Amino acid sequence: MSEIKYVKKGDYYYPDIDFGIDENVELRKFGRLRYKYFKENKPYLFSRLLLEGELMKHVIEIEKQAYESFEMIQKEYLKQHPLPIDGNFVESYKIRQEARDIANEIVLKELIYS
């Protein structure tokens, strides 16, 4: 059994626990949403992963999958709905925005909030 180390902060001693959280890792949209979802809706799983040092690995992996899926869904949508040849900016913008919205909705439903 390993011995617990303590760190003095002010007048108190706190257990020195490494949660595996790297302060330099910057989560983007999907990573932050997954983290928040776990923290608010699955507190038991959130705590368990945090104590095991696996929380950030999980969040980063889901974030990576989410962005890959997001790009793939957008490309597939644009294949099925090609941009206008005449260079109509407004119509092109609408199609691209629709592709982003659909990809975002699918990723949120299937990866982030599941």
Protein backbone atom coordinates (compact mmCIF):
# COMPACT_ATOMS: atom_id res chain seq x y z
CA MET A 1 0.00 0.00 0.00
CA SER A 2 1.37 3.40 -0.95
CA GLU A 3 1.79 6.18 1.54
CA ILE A 4 -0.17 9.40 1.04
CA LYS A 5 1.94 12.54 0.76
CA TYR A 6 0.67 15.87 2.04
CA VAL A 7 1.36 19.43 0.92
CA LYS A 8 1.13 22.40 3.25
CA LYS A 9 -0.90 25.31 1.88
CA GLY A 10 -1.22 28.12 4.35
CA ASP A 11 -2.04 26.62 7.75
CA TYR A 12 -3.43 23.35 6.41
CA TYR A 13 -2.09 20.11 4.96
CA TYR A 14 -3.80 18.71 1.87
CA PRO A 15 -3.28 15.28 0.30
CA ASP A 16 -1.02 15.52 -2.73
CA ILE A 17 -3.19 13.76 -5.31
CA ASP A 18 -2.33 13.74 -9.00
CA PHE A 19 -5.57 13.75 -10.97
CA GLY A 20 -3.80 13.47 -14.32
CA ILE A 21 -4.95 16.93 -15.36
CA ASP A 22 -2.42 18.77 -17.47
CA GLU A 23 -2.79 22.51 -16.97
CA ASN A 24 -1.32 23.13 -20.45
CA VAL A 25 -4.00 21.17 -22.31
CA GLU A 26 -6.52 23.50 -23.85
CA LEU A 27 -9.85 21.89 -24.59
CA ARG A 28 -11.87 23.14 -27.51
CA LYS A 29 -15.65 23.27 -27.85
CA PHE A 30 -16.48 19.56 -27.85
CA GLY A 31 -13.97 18.73 -25.11
CA ARG A 32 -15.32 21.42 -22.81
CA LEU A 33 -18.90 20.32 -23.48
CA ARG A 34 -18.08 16.67 -22.69
CA TYR A 35 -16.28 17.68 -19.48
CA LYS A 36 -19.21 19.85 -18.39
CA TYR A 37 -21.75 17.14 -19.29
CA PHE A 38 -19.89 14.54 -17.23
CA LYS A 39 -19.47 16.89 -14.28
CA GLU A 40 -23.14 17.93 -14.19
CA ASN A 41 -24.95 14.77 -15.33
CA LYS A 42 -22.71 11.84 -14.42
CA PRO A 43 -21.03 12.88 -11.18
CA TYR A 44 -20.22 9.32 -10.10
CA LEU A 45 -18.44 8.52 -13.37
CA PHE A 46 -16.81 11.96 -13.37
CA SER A 47 -15.40 11.39 -9.86
CA ARG A 48 -14.24 7.88 -10.63
CA LEU A 49 -12.41 8.90 -13.80
CA LEU A 50 -10.94 11.91 -12.01
CA LEU A 51 -9.59 9.84 -9.12
CA GLU A 52 -8.18 7.22 -11.49
CA GLY A 53 -6.45 9.95 -13.51
CA GLU A 54 -8.37 8.96 -16.65
CA LEU A 55 -10.77 11.91 -16.96
CA MET A 56 -8.67 14.11 -19.22
CA LYS A 57 -7.60 11.16 -21.37
CA HIS A 58 -11.27 10.35 -21.90
CA VAL A 59 -12.25 13.95 -22.64
CA ILE A 60 -9.36 14.44 -25.07
CA GLU A 61 -10.18 11.18 -26.89
CA ILE A 62 -13.86 12.12 -27.23
CA GLU A 63 -12.86 15.58 -28.44
CA LYS A 64 -10.61 14.06 -31.10
CA GLN A 65 -13.37 11.69 -32.26
CA ALA A 66 -15.89 14.53 -32.26
CA TYR A 67 -13.82 16.77 -34.53
CA GLU A 68 -13.02 13.90 -36.90
CA SER A 69 -16.72 13.01 -37.12
CA PHE A 70 -17.66 16.66 -37.53
CA GLU A 71 -15.34 17.07 -40.53
CA MET A 72 -16.44 13.78 -42.10
CA ILE A 73 -20.15 14.61 -41.77
CA GLN A 74 -19.61 18.07 -43.26
CA LYS A 75 -17.70 16.66 -46.25
CA GLU A 76 -20.37 14.02 -46.83
CA TYR A 77 -23.12 16.64 -46.71
CA LEU A 78 -21.28 18.87 -49.18
CA LYS A 79 -20.85 15.91 -51.55
CA GLN A 80 -24.61 15.37 -51.50
CA HIS A 81 -25.40 19.10 -51.71
CA PRO A 82 -22.75 20.69 -53.96
CA LEU A 83 -22.10 24.40 -53.83
CA PRO A 84 -23.54 26.47 -56.69
CA ILE A 85 -21.30 26.81 -59.72
CA ASP A 86 -22.33 30.40 -60.45
CA GLY A 87 -20.48 31.65 -57.34
CA ASN A 88 -23.60 32.76 -55.47
CA PHE A 89 -22.06 33.68 -52.10
CA VAL A 90 -25.33 33.73 -50.15
CA GLU A 91 -26.40 30.30 -51.37
CA SER A 92 -22.92 28.85 -50.73
CA TYR A 93 -22.96 30.29 -47.21
CA LYS A 94 -26.38 28.77 -46.51
CA ILE A 95 -25.28 25.32 -47.68
CA ARG A 96 -22.05 25.45 -45.66
CA GLN A 97 -23.90 26.67 -42.56
CA GLU A 98 -26.45 23.88 -42.92
CA ALA A 99 -23.61 21.34 -43.19
CA ARG A 100 -22.03 22.73 -39.98
CA ASP A 101 -25.36 22.74 -38.14
CA ILE A 102 -26.16 19.15 -39.10
CA ALA A 103 -22.66 17.92 -38.25
CA ASN A 104 -22.76 19.76 -34.92
CA GLU A 105 -26.15 18.28 -33.98
CA ILE A 106 -25.08 14.73 -34.83
CA VAL A 107 -21.77 14.99 -32.94
CA LEU A 108 -23.45 16.45 -29.87
CA LYS A 109 -26.11 13.75 -29.81
CA GLU A 110 -23.90 10.75 -30.54
CA LEU A 111 -20.61 11.60 -28.82
CA ILE A 112 -20.93 14.43 -26.35
CA TYR A 113 -24.27 13.84 -24.64
CA SER A 114 -24.25 10.05 -24.52
